[in-house]
């Protein structure tokens, strides 16, 4: 991992999004794995509006 990718300084949602994308996983797949909707996963990744 590169120094610019220091995940510990990121919000939880940002970490989830980056790691999901690195794995090549669509939101729908992650949503199914955790038993939630893809809209829920998106709201976790983006944080409070």
N, C-alpha and C. Protein backbone atom coordinates (compact mmCIF):
# COMPACT_ATOMS: atom_id res chain seq x y z
N UNK A 1 0.84 -1.18 0.00
CA UNK A 1 0.00 0.00 0.00
C UNK A 1 0.89 1.24 0.00
N UNK A 2 0.52 2.22 -0.79
CA UNK A 2 1.29 3.44 -0.87
C UNK A 2 0.96 4.35 0.31
N UNK A 3 1.89 5.23 0.65
CA UNK A 3 1.66 6.13 1.78
C UNK A 3 0.44 7.02 1.57
N UNK A 4 0.12 7.37 0.32
CA UNK A 4 -1.03 8.23 0.06
C UNK A 4 -2.34 7.50 0.29
N UNK A 5 -2.27 6.18 0.45
CA UNK A 5 -3.47 5.37 0.67
C UNK A 5 -3.63 4.99 2.14
N UNK A 6 -3.21 5.85 3.05
CA UNK A 6 -3.28 5.53 4.47
C UNK A 6 -4.73 5.45 4.92
N UNK A 7 -5.27 4.28 4.96
CA UNK A 7 -6.66 4.08 5.31
C UNK A 7 -7.01 4.50 6.74
N UNK A 8 -6.11 4.40 7.73
CA UNK A 8 -6.50 4.76 9.09
C UNK A 8 -6.98 6.20 9.26
N UNK A 9 -6.58 7.12 8.37
CA UNK A 9 -7.01 8.51 8.50
C UNK A 9 -8.34 8.77 7.80
N UNK A 10 -8.88 7.77 7.14
CA UNK A 10 -10.13 7.93 6.40
C UNK A 10 -11.32 7.54 7.26
N UNK A 11 -12.49 8.11 6.92
CA UNK A 11 -13.73 7.70 7.57
C UNK A 11 -14.01 6.24 7.21
N UNK A 12 -14.80 5.58 8.01
CA UNK A 12 -15.14 4.17 7.79
C UNK A 12 -15.77 3.97 6.42
N UNK A 13 -16.70 4.84 6.04
CA UNK A 13 -17.35 4.72 4.74
C UNK A 13 -16.38 4.83 3.59
N UNK A 14 -15.40 5.73 3.72
CA UNK A 14 -14.38 5.88 2.68
C UNK A 14 -13.55 4.60 2.56
N UNK A 15 -13.21 4.01 3.69
CA UNK A 15 -12.44 2.76 3.67
C UNK A 15 -13.21 1.65 2.97
N UNK A 16 -14.50 1.54 3.33
CA UNK A 16 -15.34 0.50 2.73
C UNK A 16 -15.39 0.68 1.22
N UNK A 17 -15.60 1.91 0.77
CA UNK A 17 -15.70 2.17 -0.67
C UNK A 17 -14.41 1.82 -1.40
N UNK A 18 -13.28 2.28 -0.87
CA UNK A 18 -11.99 2.02 -1.51
C UNK A 18 -11.70 0.53 -1.57
N UNK A 19 -11.90 -0.16 -0.46
CA UNK A 19 -11.60 -1.59 -0.43
C UNK A 19 -12.56 -2.38 -1.33
N UNK A 20 -13.82 -1.97 -1.37
CA UNK A 20 -14.79 -2.63 -2.25
C UNK A 20 -14.38 -2.43 -3.70
N UNK A 21 -14.00 -1.20 -4.07
CA UNK A 21 -13.60 -0.91 -5.43
C UNK A 21 -12.32 -1.65 -5.80
N UNK A 22 -11.36 -1.71 -4.89
CA UNK A 22 -10.11 -2.44 -5.15
C UNK A 22 -10.38 -3.92 -5.42
N UNK A 23 -11.41 -4.44 -4.76
CA UNK A 23 -11.77 -5.85 -4.96
C UNK A 23 -12.60 -6.05 -6.22
N UNK A 24 -12.97 -4.94 -6.89
CA UNK A 24 -13.78 -5.03 -8.09
C UNK A 24 -15.21 -5.46 -7.81
N UNK A 25 -15.69 -5.12 -6.63
CA UNK A 25 -17.01 -5.56 -6.18
C UNK A 25 -18.04 -4.45 -6.35
N UNK A 26 -19.12 -4.72 -7.07
CA UNK A 26 -20.19 -3.73 -7.15
C UNK A 26 -20.91 -3.59 -5.82
N UNK A 27 -21.55 -2.45 -5.63
CA UNK A 27 -22.31 -2.23 -4.39
C UNK A 27 -23.36 -3.30 -4.17
N UNK A 28 -23.99 -3.74 -5.25
CA UNK A 28 -25.06 -4.74 -5.12
C UNK A 28 -24.55 -6.03 -4.50
N UNK A 29 -23.33 -6.41 -4.84
CA UNK A 29 -22.75 -7.65 -4.29
C UNK A 29 -22.47 -7.46 -2.80
N UNK A 30 -21.84 -6.35 -2.44
CA UNK A 30 -21.57 -6.08 -1.02
C UNK A 30 -22.87 -6.02 -0.24
N UNK A 31 -23.86 -5.35 -0.82
CA UNK A 31 -25.17 -5.24 -0.16
C UNK A 31 -25.75 -6.63 0.12
N UNK A 32 -25.68 -7.51 -0.85
CA UNK A 32 -26.18 -8.87 -0.65
C UNK A 32 -25.42 -9.62 0.42
N UNK A 33 -24.12 -9.38 0.50
CA UNK A 33 -23.30 -10.05 1.51
C UNK A 33 -23.66 -9.63 2.93
N UNK A 34 -24.06 -8.37 3.09
CA UNK A 34 -24.39 -7.87 4.43
C UNK A 34 -25.89 -7.83 4.69
N UNK A 35 -26.68 -8.25 3.72
CA UNK A 35 -28.12 -8.31 3.90
C UNK A 35 -28.80 -6.95 3.91
N UNK A 36 -28.23 -6.00 3.17
CA UNK A 36 -28.79 -4.65 3.08
C UNK A 36 -28.98 -4.28 1.61
N UNK A 37 -29.58 -3.12 1.36
CA UNK A 37 -29.78 -2.66 -0.02
C UNK A 37 -28.52 -1.94 -0.51
N UNK A 38 -28.40 -1.82 -1.83
CA UNK A 38 -27.27 -1.07 -2.39
C UNK A 38 -27.37 0.42 -2.03
N UNK A 39 -28.59 0.92 -1.85
CA UNK A 39 -28.76 2.31 -1.40
C UNK A 39 -28.20 2.48 0.01
N UNK A 40 -28.38 1.48 0.86
CA UNK A 40 -27.84 1.54 2.22
C UNK A 40 -26.32 1.57 2.18
N UNK A 41 -25.72 0.71 1.34
CA UNK A 41 -24.26 0.69 1.21
C UNK A 41 -23.77 2.05 0.73
N UNK A 42 -24.45 2.62 -0.24
CA UNK A 42 -24.05 3.94 -0.74
C UNK A 42 -24.12 4.99 0.37
N UNK A 43 -25.17 4.93 1.18
CA UNK A 43 -25.29 5.92 2.25
C UNK A 43 -24.18 5.75 3.30
N UNK A 44 -23.77 4.53 3.55
CA UNK A 44 -22.66 4.29 4.48
C UNK A 44 -21.36 4.84 3.87
N UNK A 45 -21.14 4.57 2.59
CA UNK A 45 -19.92 5.02 1.93
C UNK A 45 -19.82 6.53 1.84
N UNK A 46 -20.93 7.20 1.62
CA UNK A 46 -20.89 8.66 1.44
C UNK A 46 -21.02 9.42 2.75
N UNK A 47 -21.52 8.77 3.78
CA UNK A 47 -21.64 9.41 5.08
C UNK A 47 -22.84 10.33 5.14
N UNK A 48 -22.97 11.06 6.24
CA UNK A 48 -24.12 11.96 6.41
C UNK A 48 -24.11 13.08 5.38
N UNK A 49 -25.29 13.43 4.94
CA UNK A 49 -25.39 14.49 3.93
C UNK A 49 -25.59 15.85 4.54
